[in-house]
Amino acid sequence: MSTGNETSTRRKLRNRSKVRVAAAGRPRLSIYRSSKYIYAQIIDDTVGKTLAQFGSKAVKVGNKTESAAAVGKAVAEAAIAAGVKQVVFDRGQYRYHGRVKALADAAREAGLDF
């Protein structure tokens, strides 16, 4: 019987390998989700530099899903201001569902291409 931790670790490694293949010189939009907040950052792995970052601690909007959407919009606007239009979406071990999906949809609507 496998525990939830083993399943999430396998999911994280499987997703990370796909992100590395897809990256090909594009920065990556990395997500971290805690029980209360969600954070997003645009990372250029070729130089090892964070280009833009935003978290839901700074946003006081409705529920957690609405905060995630606000973070997605804000990080997309900051990335576009930094000259980044195309990214690779790195959701880590988190399923593409709920707050992660809301953040990704808002980032796409704000102009990021992934």
PDB file of N, CA and C in Angstrom:
ATOM      1  N   MET A   1       0.842  -1.174   0.000  1.00  0.00           N
ATOM      2  CA  MET A   1       0.000   0.000   0.000  1.00  0.00           C
ATOM      3  C   MET A   1       0.893   1.245   0.000  1.00  0.00           C
ATOM      4  N   SER A   2       0.637   2.165  -0.898  1.00  0.00           N
ATOM      5  CA  SER A   2       1.464   3.366  -0.976  1.00  0.00           C
ATOM      6  C   SER A   2       0.803   4.494  -0.196  1.00  0.00           C
ATOM      7  N   THR A   3       1.635   5.339   0.350  1.00  0.00           N
ATOM      8  CA  THR A   3       1.126   6.492   1.080  1.00  0.00           C
ATOM      9  C   THR A   3       0.953   7.660   0.121  1.00  0.00           C
ATOM     10  N   GLY A   4       0.253   8.682   0.545  1.00  0.00           N
ATOM     11  CA  GLY A   4       0.040   9.854  -0.295  1.00  0.00           C
ATOM     12  C   GLY A   4       1.327  10.566  -0.642  1.00  0.00           C
ATOM     13  N   ASN A   5       2.301  10.500   0.268  1.00  0.00           N
ATOM     14  CA  ASN A   5       3.573  11.170   0.031  1.00  0.00           C
ATOM     15  C   ASN A   5       4.322  10.547  -1.146  1.00  0.00           C
ATOM     16  N   GLU A   6       4.315   9.227  -1.246  1.00  0.00           N
ATOM     17  CA  GLU A   6       4.975   8.559  -2.370  1.00  0.00           C
ATOM     18  C   GLU A   6       4.296   8.912  -3.684  1.00  0.00           C
ATOM     19  N   THR A   7       2.979   8.979  -3.677  1.00  0.00           N
ATOM     20  CA  THR A   7       2.237   9.312  -4.887  1.00  0.00           C
ATOM     21  C   THR A   7       2.555  10.730  -5.346  1.00  0.00           C
ATOM     22  N   SER A   8       2.574  11.678  -4.423  1.00  0.00           N
ATOM     23  CA  SER A   8       2.857  13.060  -4.804  1.00  0.00           C
ATOM     24  C   SER A   8       4.299  13.220  -5.267  1.00  0.00           C
ATOM     25  N   THR A   9       5.222  12.469  -4.674  1.00  0.00           N
ATOM     26  CA  THR A   9       6.617  12.535  -5.098  1.00  0.00           C
ATOM     27  C   THR A   9       6.775  12.001  -6.510  1.00  0.00           C
ATOM     28  N   ARG A  10       6.112  10.892  -6.810  1.00  0.00           N
ATOM     29  CA  ARG A  10       6.167  10.352  -8.173  1.00  0.00           C
ATOM     30  C   ARG A  10       5.552  11.325  -9.166  1.00  0.00           C
ATOM     31  N   ARG A  11       4.437  11.953  -8.785  1.00  0.00           N
ATOM     32  CA  ARG A  11       3.778  12.916  -9.667  1.00  0.00           C
ATOM     33  C   ARG A  11       4.690  14.111  -9.906  1.00  0.00           C
ATOM     34  N   LYS A  12       5.370  14.581  -8.854  1.00  0.00           N
ATOM     35  CA  LYS A  12       6.269  15.722  -8.986  1.00  0.00           C
ATOM     36  C   LYS A  12       7.423  15.398  -9.926  1.00  0.00           C
ATOM     37  N   LEU A  13       8.034  14.242  -9.767  1.00  0.00           N
ATOM     38  CA  LEU A  13       9.161  13.863 -10.619  1.00  0.00           C
ATOM     39  C   LEU A  13       8.728  13.663 -12.074  1.00  0.00           C
ATOM     40  N   ARG A  14       7.560  13.069 -12.276  1.00  0.00           N
ATOM     41  CA  ARG A  14       7.047  12.855 -13.629  1.00  0.00           C
ATOM     42  C   ARG A  14       6.794  14.201 -14.306  1.00  0.00           C
ATOM     43  N   ASN A  15       6.173  15.124 -13.591  1.00  0.00           N
ATOM     44  CA  ASN A  15       5.890  16.433 -14.160  1.00  0.00           C
ATOM     45  C   ASN A  15       7.173  17.213 -14.410  1.00  0.00           C
ATOM     46  N   ARG A  16       8.129  17.148 -13.480  1.00  0.00           N
ATOM     47  CA  ARG A  16       9.373  17.899 -13.624  1.00  0.00           C
ATOM     48  C   ARG A  16      10.159  17.436 -14.844  1.00  0.00           C
ATOM     49  N   SER A  17      10.132  16.121 -15.146  1.00  0.00           N
ATOM     50  CA  SER A  17      10.846  15.639 -16.327  1.00  0.00           C
ATOM     51  C   SER A  17      10.205  16.174 -17.600  1.00  0.00           C
ATOM     52  N   LYS A  18       8.892  16.293 -17.629  1.00  0.00           N
ATOM     53  CA  LYS A  18       8.217  16.860 -18.799  1.00  0.00           C
ATOM     54  C   LYS A  18       8.516  18.339 -18.950  1.00  0.00           C
ATOM     55  N   VAL A  19       8.633  19.049 -17.834  1.00  0.00           N
ATOM     56  CA  VAL A  19       8.941  20.478 -17.877  1.00  0.00           C
ATOM     57  C   VAL A  19      10.335  20.693 -18.438  1.00  0.00           C
ATOM     58  N   ARG A  20      11.287  19.874 -18.033  1.00  0.00           N
ATOM     59  CA  ARG A  20      12.665  20.018 -18.542  1.00  0.00           C
ATOM     60  C   ARG A  20      12.723  19.824 -20.045  1.00  0.00           C
ATOM     61  N   VAL A  21      11.976  18.864 -20.558  1.00  0.00           N
ATOM     62  CA  VAL A  21      11.962  18.604 -21.998  1.00  0.00           C
ATOM     63  C   VAL A  21      11.325  19.771 -22.736  1.00  0.00           C
ATOM     64  N   ALA A  22      10.248  20.309 -22.187  1.00  0.00           N
ATOM     65  CA  ALA A  22       9.510  21.369 -22.865  1.00  0.00           C
ATOM     66  C   ALA A  22      10.172  22.730 -22.756  1.00  0.00           C
ATOM     67  N   ALA A  23      11.039  22.907 -21.765  1.00  0.00           N
ATOM     68  CA  ALA A  23      11.585  24.232 -21.483  1.00  0.00           C
ATOM     69  C   ALA A  23      12.326  24.829 -22.676  1.00  0.00           C
ATOM     70  N   ALA A  24      13.336  24.158 -23.181  1.00  0.00           N
ATOM     71  CA  ALA A  24      14.062  24.572 -24.381  1.00  0.00           C
ATOM     72  C   ALA A  24      14.301  26.081 -24.433  1.00  0.00           C
ATOM     73  N   GLY A  25      14.864  26.629 -23.372  1.00  0.00           N
ATOM     74  CA  GLY A  25      15.224  28.041 -23.385  1.00  0.00           C
ATOM     75  C   GLY A  25      14.135  28.974 -22.895  1.00  0.00           C
ATOM     76  N   ARG A  26      12.952  28.462 -22.600  1.00  0.00           N
ATOM     77  CA  ARG A  26      11.884  29.330 -22.098  1.00  0.00           C
ATOM     78  C   ARG A  26      11.927  29.360 -20.573  1.00  0.00           C
ATOM     79  N   PRO A  27      11.588  30.497 -19.967  1.00  0.00           N
ATOM     80  CA  PRO A  27      11.482  30.545 -18.511  1.00  0.00           C
ATOM     81  C   PRO A  27      10.322  29.671 -18.037  1.00  0.00           C
ATOM     82  N   ARG A  28      10.323  29.346 -16.740  1.00  0.00           N
ATOM     83  CA  ARG A  28       9.252  28.494 -16.246  1.00  0.00           C
ATOM     84  C   ARG A  28       8.442  29.226 -15.192  1.00  0.00           C
ATOM     85  N   LEU A  29       7.144  29.007 -15.240  1.00  0.00           N
ATOM     86  CA  LEU A  29       6.206  29.545 -14.258  1.00  0.00           C
ATOM     87  C   LEU A  29       6.027  28.472 -13.200  1.00  0.00           C
ATOM     88  N   SER A  30       6.655  28.668 -12.046  1.00  0.00           N
ATOM     89  CA  SER A  30       6.648  27.685 -10.980  1.00  0.00           C
ATOM     90  C   SER A  30       5.611  28.062  -9.929  1.00  0.00           C
ATOM     91  N   ILE A  31       4.876  27.059  -9.451  1.00  0.00           N
ATOM     92  CA  ILE A  31       3.793  27.263  -8.496  1.00  0.00           C
ATOM     93  C   ILE A  31       4.158  26.603  -7.171  1.00  0.00           C
ATOM     94  N   TYR A  32       3.861  27.278  -6.068  1.00  0.00           N
ATOM     95  CA  TYR A  32       3.908  26.657  -4.748  1.00  0.00           C
ATOM     96  C   TYR A  32       2.579  26.951  -4.067  1.00  0.00           C
ATOM     97  N   ARG A  33       1.962  25.917  -3.536  1.00  0.00           N
ATOM     98  CA  ARG A  33       0.657  26.063  -2.918  1.00  0.00           C
ATOM     99  C   ARG A  33       0.719  25.536  -1.496  1.00  0.00           C
ATOM    100  N   SER A  34       0.384  26.379  -0.535  1.00  0.00           N
ATOM    101  CA  SER A  34       0.272  25.926   0.846  1.00  0.00           C
ATOM    102  C   SER A  34      -1.207  25.796   1.175  1.00  0.00           C
ATOM    103  N   SER A  35      -1.518  25.490   2.417  1.00  0.00           N
ATOM    104  CA  SER A  35      -2.921  25.342   2.778  1.00  0.00           C
ATOM    105  C   SER A  35      -3.658  26.680   2.791  1.00  0.00           C
ATOM    106  N   LYS A  36      -2.933  27.785   3.006  1.00  0.00           N
ATOM    107  CA  LYS A  36      -3.569  29.105   3.066  1.00  0.00           C
ATOM    108  C   LYS A  36      -3.279  29.984   1.848  1.00  0.00           C
ATOM    109  N   TYR A  37      -2.082  29.866   1.288  1.00  0.00           N
ATOM    110  CA  TYR A  37      -1.645  30.796   0.249  1.00  0.00           C
ATOM    111  C   TYR A  37      -1.178  30.053  -0.991  1.00  0.00           C
ATOM    112  N   ILE A  38      -0.985  30.823  -2.072  1.00  0.00           N
ATOM    113  CA  ILE A  38      -0.408  30.278  -3.299  1.00  0.00           C
ATOM    114  C   ILE A  38       0.603  31.298  -3.821  1.00  0.00           C
ATOM    115  N   TYR A  39       1.703  30.802  -4.332  1.00  0.00           N
ATOM    116  CA  TYR A  39       2.786  31.653  -4.815  1.00  0.00           C
ATOM    117  C   TYR A  39       3.149  31.234  -6.235  1.00  0.00           C
ATOM    118  N   ALA A  40       3.567  32.199  -7.041  1.00  0.00           N
ATOM    119  CA  ALA A  40       3.993  31.912  -8.407  1.00  0.00           C
ATOM    120  C   ALA A  40       5.232  32.746  -8.699  1.00  0.00           C
ATOM    121  N   GLN A  41       6.157  32.139  -9.439  1.00  0.00           N
ATOM    122  CA  GLN A  41       7.334  32.888  -9.852  1.00  0.00           C
ATOM    123  C   GLN A  41       7.776  32.455 -11.241  1.00  0.00           C
ATOM    124  N   ILE A  42       8.323  33.402 -11.986  1.00  0.00           N
ATOM    125  CA  ILE A  42       8.880  33.141 -13.305  1.00  0.00           C
ATOM    126  C   ILE A  42      10.387  33.012 -13.122  1.00  0.00           C
ATOM    127  N   ILE A  43      10.938  31.841 -13.478  1.00  0.00           N
ATOM    128  CA  ILE A  43      12.350  31.545 -13.249  1.00  0.00           C
ATOM    129  C   ILE A  43      13.034  31.288 -14.588  1.00  0.00           C
ATOM    130  N   ASP A  44      14.159  31.961 -14.824  1.00  0.00           N
ATOM    131  CA  ASP A  44      14.989  31.687 -15.994  1.00  0.00           C
ATOM    132  C   ASP A  44      16.090  30.739 -15.539  1.00  0.00           C
ATOM    133  N   ASP A  45      15.963  29.460 -15.891  1.00  0.00           N
ATOM    134  CA  ASP A  45      16.902  28.448 -15.414  1.00  0.00           C
ATOM    135  C   ASP A  45      18.263  28.530 -16.088  1.00  0.00           C
ATOM    136  N   THR A  46      18.356  29.167 -17.249  1.00  0.00           N
ATOM    137  CA  THR A  46      19.646  29.252 -17.933  1.00  0.00           C
ATOM    138  C   THR A  46      20.629  30.127 -17.156  1.00  0.00           C
ATOM    139  N   VAL A  47      20.123  31.183 -16.529  1.00  0.00           N
ATOM    140  CA  VAL A  47      20.990  32.059 -15.727  1.00  0.00           C
ATOM    141  C   VAL A  47      20.725  31.911 -14.239  1.00  0.00           C
ATOM    142  N   GLY A  48      19.697  31.151 -13.865  1.00  0.00           N
ATOM    143  CA  GLY A  48      19.387  30.931 -12.458  1.00  0.00           C
ATOM    144  C   GLY A  48      18.859  32.163 -11.758  1.00  0.00           C
ATOM    145  N   LYS A  49      17.944  32.872 -12.420  1.00  0.00           N
ATOM    146  CA  LYS A  49      17.445  34.131 -11.883  1.00  0.00           C
ATOM    147  C   LYS A  49      15.924  34.141 -11.891  1.00  0.00           C
ATOM    148  N   THR A  50      15.327  34.688 -10.834  1.00  0.00           N
ATOM    149  CA  THR A  50      13.888  34.864 -10.774  1.00  0.00           C
ATOM    150  C   THR A  50      13.543  36.194 -11.430  1.00  0.00           C
ATOM    151  N   LEU A  51      12.692  36.151 -12.453  1.00  0.00           N
ATOM    152  CA  LEU A  51      12.350  37.348 -13.211  1.00  0.00           C
ATOM    153  C   LEU A  51      11.143  38.080 -12.627  1.00  0.00           C
ATOM    154  N   ALA A  52      10.183  37.336 -12.103  1.00  0.00           N
ATOM    155  CA  ALA A  52       8.985  37.929 -11.518  1.00  0.00           C
ATOM    156  C   ALA A  52       8.433  36.969 -10.479  1.00  0.00           C
ATOM    157  N   GLN A  53       7.820  37.526  -9.431  1.00  0.00           N
ATOM    158  CA  GLN A  53       7.235  36.675  -8.409  1.00  0.00           C
ATOM    159  C   GLN A  53       6.053  37.391  -7.775  1.00  0.00           C
ATOM    160  N   PHE A  54       5.122  36.613  -7.277  1.00  0.00           N
ATOM    161  CA  PHE A  54       3.954  37.177  -6.613  1.00  0.00           C
ATOM    162  C   PHE A  54       3.333  36.116  -5.739  1.00  0.00           C
ATOM    163  N   GLY A  55       2.691  36.532  -4.654  1.00  0.00           N
ATOM    164  CA  GLY A  55       2.039  35.600  -3.745  1.00  0.00           C
ATOM    165  C   GLY A  55       0.700  36.131  -3.283  1.00  0.00           C
ATOM    166  N   SER A  56      -0.135  35.252  -2.783  1.00  0.00           N
ATOM    167  CA  SER A  56      -1.474  35.659  -2.383  1.00  0.00           C
ATOM    168  C   SER A  56      -1.504  36.336  -1.020  1.00  0.00           C
ATOM    169  N   LYS A  57      -0.381  36.384  -0.304  1.00  0.00           N
ATOM    170  CA  LYS A  57      -0.353  37.125   0.955  1.00  0.00           C
ATOM    171  C   LYS A  57      -0.601  38.606   0.714  1.00  0.00           C
ATOM    172  N   ALA A  58      -0.126  39.105  -0.415  1.00  0.00           N
ATOM    173  CA  ALA A  58      -0.272  40.519  -0.742  1.00  0.00           C
ATOM    174  C   ALA A  58      -1.661  40.850  -1.289  1.00  0.00           C
ATOM    175  N   VAL A  59      -2.419  39.817  -1.667  1.00  0.00           N
ATOM    176  CA  VAL A  59      -3.732  40.029  -2.268  1.00  0.00           C
ATOM    177  C   VAL A  59      -4.812  39.663  -1.253  1.00  0.00           C
ATOM    178  N   LYS A  60      -5.708  40.552  -0.998  1.00  0.00           N
ATOM    179  CA  LYS A  60      -6.834  40.262  -0.104  1.00  0.00           C
ATOM    180  C   LYS A  60      -8.113  40.279  -0.938  1.00  0.00           C
ATOM    181  N   VAL A  61      -8.362  39.172  -1.632  1.00  0.00           N
ATOM    182  CA  VAL A  61      -9.528  39.048  -2.496  1.00  0.00           C
ATOM    183  C   VAL A  61     -10.313  37.816  -2.077  1.00  0.00           C
ATOM    184  N   GLY A  62     -11.592  37.947  -1.854  1.00  0.00           N
ATOM    185  CA  GLY A  62     -12.518  36.841  -1.596  1.00  0.00           C
ATOM    186  C   GLY A  62     -11.927  35.566  -1.035  1.00  0.00           C
ATOM    187  N   ASN A  63     -12.222  34.466  -1.710  1.00  0.00           N
ATOM    188  CA  ASN A  63     -11.757  33.161  -1.234  1.00  0.00           C
ATOM    189  C   ASN A  63     -10.405  32.798  -1.850  1.00  0.00           C
ATOM    190  N   LYS A  64      -9.935  31.594  -1.565  1.00  0.00           N
ATOM    191  CA  LYS A  64      -8.593  31.183  -2.010  1.00  0.00           C
ATOM    192  C   LYS A  64      -8.501  31.061  -3.524  1.00  0.00           C
ATOM    193  N   THR A  65      -9.563  30.619  -4.175  1.00  0.00           N
ATOM    194  CA  THR A  65      -9.542  30.488  -5.631  1.00  0.00           C
ATOM    195  C   THR A  65      -9.460  31.853  -6.302  1.00  0.00           C
ATOM    196  N   GLU A  66     -10.185  32.821  -5.783  1.00  0.00           N
ATOM    197  CA  GLU A  66     -10.123  34.181  -6.334  1.00  0.00           C
ATOM    198  C   GLU A  66      -8.746  34.799  -6.096  1.00  0.00           C
ATOM    199  N   SER A  67      -8.151  34.504  -4.947  1.00  0.00           N
ATOM    200  CA  SER A  67      -6.793  34.990  -4.678  1.00  0.00           C
ATOM    201  C   SER A  67      -5.786  34.375  -5.645  1.00  0.00           C
ATOM    202  N   ALA A  68      -5.961  33.088  -5.947  1.00  0.00           N
ATOM    203  CA  ALA A  68      -5.073  32.423  -6.899  1.00  0.00           C
ATOM    204  C   ALA A  68      -5.183  33.055  -8.276  1.00  0.00           C
ATOM    205  N   ALA A  69      -6.395  33.388  -8.688  1.00  0.00           N
ATOM    206  CA  ALA A  69      -6.588  34.042  -9.985  1.00  0.00           C
ATOM    207  C   ALA A  69      -5.920  35.418  -9.993  1.00  0.00           C
ATOM    208  N   ALA A  70      -6.015  36.149  -8.885  1.00  0.00           N
ATOM    209  CA  ALA A  70      -5.363  37.459  -8.799  1.00  0.00           C
ATOM    210  C   ALA A  70      -3.850  37.320  -8.866  1.00  0.00           C
ATOM    211  N   VAL A  71      -3.305  36.281  -8.245  1.00  0.00           N
ATOM    212  CA  VAL A  71      -1.864  36.032  -8.308  1.00  0.00           C
ATOM    213  C   VAL A  71      -1.446  35.718  -9.737  1.00  0.00           C
ATOM    214  N   GLY A  72      -2.236  34.900 -10.436  1.00  0.00           N
ATOM    215  CA  GLY A  72      -1.931  34.564 -11.827  1.00  0.00           C
ATOM    216  C   GLY A  72      -1.899  35.790 -12.716  1.00  0.00           C
ATOM    217  N   LYS A  73      -2.871  36.666 -12.535  1.00  0.00           N
ATOM    218  CA  LYS A  73      -2.918  37.890 -13.329  1.00  0.00           C
ATOM    219  C   LYS A  73      -1.733  38.798 -13.003  1.00  0.00           C
ATOM    220  N   ALA A  74      -1.420  38.931 -11.708  1.00  0.00           N
ATOM    221  CA  ALA A  74      -0.326  39.816 -11.297  1.00  0.00           C
ATOM    222  C   ALA A  74       1.033  39.303 -11.766  1.00  0.00           C
ATOM    223  N   VAL A  75       1.274  38.001 -11.664  1.00  0.00           N
ATOM    224  CA  VAL A  75       2.569  37.464 -12.091  1.00  0.00           C
ATOM    225  C   VAL A  75       2.702  37.544 -13.611  1.00  0.00           C
ATOM    226  N   ALA A  76       1.596  37.402 -14.329  1.00  0.00           N
ATOM    227  CA  ALA A  76       1.645  37.531 -15.788  1.00  0.00           C
ATOM    228  C   ALA A  76       1.971  38.968 -16.192  1.00  0.00           C
ATOM    229  N   GLU A  77       1.359  39.926 -15.516  1.00  0.00           N
ATOM    230  CA  GLU A  77       1.649  41.332 -15.823  1.00  0.00           C
ATOM    231  C   GLU A  77       3.100  41.678 -15.498  1.00  0.00           C
ATOM    232  N   ALA A  78       3.612  41.150 -14.387  1.00  0.00           N
ATOM    233  CA  ALA A  78       5.012  41.403 -14.034  1.00  0.00           C
ATOM    234  C   ALA A  78       5.964  40.743 -15.029  1.00  0.00           C
ATOM    235  N   ALA A  79       5.601  39.553 -15.512  1.00  0.00           N
ATOM    236  CA  ALA A  79       6.444  38.866 -16.488  1.00  0.00           C
ATOM    237  C   ALA A  79       6.463  39.608 -17.816  1.00  0.00           C
ATOM    238  N   ILE A  80       5.311  40.086 -18.241  1.00  0.00           N
ATOM    239  CA  ILE A  80       5.248  40.833 -19.500  1.00  0.00           C
ATOM    240  C   ILE A  80       6.046  42.131 -19.378  1.00  0.00           C
ATOM    241  N   ALA A  81       5.987  42.773 -18.214  1.00  0.00           N
ATOM    242  CA  ALA A  81       6.790  43.976 -17.989  1.00  0.00           C
ATOM    243  C   ALA A  81       8.285  43.665 -18.031  1.00  0.00           C
ATOM    244  N   ALA A  82       8.658  42.432 -17.655  1.00  0.00           N
ATOM    245  CA  ALA A  82      10.066  42.012 -17.700  1.00  0.00           C
ATOM    246  C   ALA A  82      10.462  41.496 -19.081  1.00  0.00           C
ATOM    247  N   GLY A  83       9.523  41.469 -20.024  1.00  0.00           N
ATOM    248  CA  GLY A  83       9.827  41.054 -21.388  1.00  0.00           C
ATOM    249  C   GLY A  83       9.624  39.577 -21.666  1.00  0.00           C
ATOM    250  N   VAL A  84       8.869  38.882 -20.841  1.00  0.00           N
ATOM    251  CA  VAL A  84       8.627  37.447 -21.014  1.00  0.00           C
ATOM    252  C   VAL A  84       7.189  37.240 -21.471  1.00  0.00           C
ATOM    253  N   LYS A  85       7.004  36.568 -22.613  1.00  0.00           N
ATOM    254  CA  LYS A  85       5.661  36.261 -23.104  1.00  0.00           C
ATOM    255  C   LYS A  85       5.376  34.762 -23.079  1.00  0.00           C
ATOM    256  N   GLN A  86       6.398  33.924 -23.302  1.00  0.00           N
ATOM    257  CA  GLN A  86       6.208  32.476 -23.336  1.00  0.00           C
ATOM    258  C   GLN A  86       6.920  31.835 -22.163  1.00  0.00           C
ATOM    259  N   VAL A  87       6.210  30.943 -21.479  1.00  0.00           N
ATOM    260  CA  VAL A  87       6.774  30.236 -20.334  1.00  0.00           C
ATOM    261  C   VAL A  87       6.381  28.770 -20.413  1.00  0.00           C
ATOM    262  N   VAL A  88       6.997  27.976 -19.560  1.00  0.00           N
ATOM    263  CA  VAL A  88       6.617  26.583 -19.367  1.00  0.00           C
ATOM    264  C   VAL A  88       5.956  26.511 -17.993  1.00  0.00           C
ATOM    265  N   PHE A  89       4.793  25.892 -17.918  1.00  0.00           N
ATOM    266  CA  PHE A  89       4.039  25.826 -16.670  1.00  0.00           C
ATOM    267  C   PHE A  89       4.532  24.658 -15.831  1.00  0.00           C
ATOM    268  N   ASP A  90       5.082  24.955 -14.654  1.00  0.00           N
ATOM    269  CA  ASP A  90       5.595  23.941 -13.735  1.00  0.00           C
ATOM    270  C   ASP A  90       4.691  23.917 -12.512  1.00  0.00           C
ATOM    271  N   ARG A  91       3.760  22.972 -12.491  1.00  0.00           N
ATOM    272  CA  ARG A  91       2.817  22.889 -11.383  1.00  0.00           C
ATOM    273  C   ARG A  91       3.354  22.044 -10.249  1.00  0.00           C
ATOM    274  N   GLY A  92       4.534  21.463 -10.407  1.00  0.00           N
ATOM    275  CA  GLY A  92       5.135  20.651  -9.357  1.00  0.00           C
ATOM    276  C   GLY A  92       4.315  19.413  -9.072  1.00  0.00           C
ATOM    277  N   GLN A  93       4.039  19.154  -7.804  1.00  0.00           N
ATOM    278  CA  GLN A  93       3.287  17.968  -7.427  1.00  0.00           C
ATOM    279  C   GLN A  93       1.787  18.220  -7.374  1.00  0.00           C
ATOM    280  N   TYR A  94       1.352  19.443  -7.666  1.00  0.00           N
ATOM    281  CA  TYR A  94      -0.046  19.800  -7.502  1.00  0.00           C
ATOM    282  C   TYR A  94      -0.843  19.444  -8.748  1.00  0.00           C
ATOM    283  N   ARG A  95      -2.018  18.904  -8.538  1.00  0.00           N
ATOM    284  CA  ARG A  95      -2.889  18.561  -9.652  1.00  0.00           C
ATOM    285  C   ARG A  95      -3.408  19.821 -10.321  1.00  0.00           C
ATOM    286  N   TYR A  96      -3.643  19.732 -11.619  1.00  0.00           N
ATOM    287  CA  TYR A  96      -4.175  20.864 -12.379  1.00  0.00           C
ATOM    288  C   TYR A  96      -5.676  20.927 -12.117  1.00  0.00           C
ATOM    289  N   HIS A  97      -6.017  21.584 -10.997  1.00  0.00           N
ATOM    290  CA  HIS A  97      -7.379  21.551 -10.529  1.00  0.00           C
ATOM    291  C   HIS A  97      -7.520  22.605  -9.433  1.00  0.00           C
ATOM    292  N   GLY A  98      -8.650  23.240  -9.327  1.00  0.00           N
ATOM    293  CA  GLY A  98      -8.891  24.195  -8.251  1.00  0.00           C
ATOM    294  C   GLY A  98      -8.058  25.450  -8.360  1.00  0.00           C
ATOM    295  N   ARG A  99      -7.290  25.735  -7.307  1.00  0.00           N
ATOM    296  CA  ARG A  99      -6.506  26.974  -7.268  1.00  0.00           C
ATOM    297  C   ARG A  99      -5.404  27.010  -8.315  1.00  0.00           C
ATOM    298  N   VAL A 100      -4.792  25.867  -8.595  1.00  0.00           N
ATOM    299  CA  VAL A 100      -3.723  25.826  -9.606  1.00  0.00           C
ATOM    300  C   VAL A 100      -4.299  26.141 -10.980  1.00  0.00           C
ATOM    301  N   LYS A 101      -5.445  25.582 -11.289  1.00  0.00           N
ATOM    302  CA  LYS A 101      -6.108  25.845 -12.572  1.00  0.00           C
ATOM    303  C   LYS A 101      -6.543  27.308 -12.670  1.00  0.00           C
ATOM    304  N   ALA A 102      -7.067  27.870 -11.587  1.00  0.00           N
ATOM    305  CA  ALA A 102      -7.487  29.267 -11.580  1.00  0.00           C
ATOM    306  C   ALA A 102      -6.306  30.197 -11.841  1.00  0.00           C
ATOM    307  N   LEU A 103      -5.162  29.900 -11.219  1.00  0.00           N
ATOM    308  CA  LEU A 103      -3.965  30.703 -11.441  1.00  0.00           C
ATOM    309  C   LEU A 103      -3.511  30.612 -12.895  1.00  0.00           C
ATOM    310  N   ALA A 104      -3.489  29.409 -13.441  1.00  0.00           N
ATOM    311  CA  ALA A 104      -3.039  29.220 -14.820  1.00  0.00           C
ATOM    312  C   ALA A 104      -3.974  29.912 -15.809  1.00  0.00           C
ATOM    313  N   ASP A 105      -5.274  29.788 -15.609  1.00  0.00           N
ATOM    314  CA  ASP A 105      -6.230  30.435 -16.511  1.00  0.00           C
ATOM    315  C   ASP A 105      -6.108  31.950 -16.475  1.00  0.00           C
ATOM    316  N   ALA A 106      -5.935  32.509 -15.283  1.00  0.00           N
ATOM    317  CA  ALA A 106      -5.784  33.960 -15.160  1.00  0.00           C
ATOM    318  C   ALA A 106      -4.488  34.444 -15.801  1.00  0.00           C
ATOM    319  N   ALA A 107      -3.421  33.673 -15.682  1.00  0.00           N
ATOM    320  CA  ALA A 107      -2.147  34.047 -16.308  1.00  0.00           C
ATOM    321  C   ALA A 107      -2.277  34.020 -17.829  1.00  0.00           C
ATOM    322  N   ARG A 108      -2.981  33.024 -18.350  1.00  0.00           N
ATOM    323  CA  ARG A 108      -3.209  32.975 -19.807  1.00  0.00           C
ATOM    324  C   ARG A 108      -4.037  34.156 -20.277  1.00  0.00           C
ATOM    325  N   GLU A 109      -5.084  34.505 -19.543  1.00  0.00           N
ATOM    326  CA  GLU A 109      -5.934  35.620 -19.927  1.00  0.00           C
ATOM    327  C   GLU A 109      -5.177  36.941 -19.867  1.00  0.00           C
ATOM    328  N   ALA A 110      -4.191  37.033 -18.970  1.00  0.00           N
ATOM    329  CA  ALA A 110      -3.418  38.269 -18.834  1.00  0.00           C
ATOM    330  C   ALA A 110      -2.322  38.393 -19.889  1.00  0.00           C
ATOM    331  N   GLY A 111      -2.111  37.326 -20.698  1.00  0.00           N
ATOM    332  CA  GLY A 111      -1.178  37.465 -21.802  1.00  0.00           C
ATOM    333  C   GLY A 111      -0.022  36.481 -21.855  1.00  0.00           C
ATOM    334  N   LEU A 112       0.148  35.636 -20.853  1.00  0.00           N
ATOM    335  CA  LEU A 112       1.227  34.645 -20.913  1.00  0.00           C
ATOM    336  C   LEU A 112       0.823  33.504 -21.834  1.00  0.00           C
ATOM    337  N   ASP A 113       1.802  32.964 -22.540  1.00  0.00           N
ATOM    338  CA  ASP A 113       1.557  31.866 -23.478  1.00  0.00           C
ATOM    339  C   ASP A 113       2.234  30.605 -22.962  1.00  0.00           C
ATOM    340  N   PHE A 114       1.424  29.582 -22.619  1.00  0.00           N
ATOM    341  CA  PHE A 114       1.935  28.274 -22.232  1.00  0.00           C
ATOM    342  C   PHE A 114       0.887  27.231 -22.463  1.00  0.00           C
TER     343      PHE A 114
END
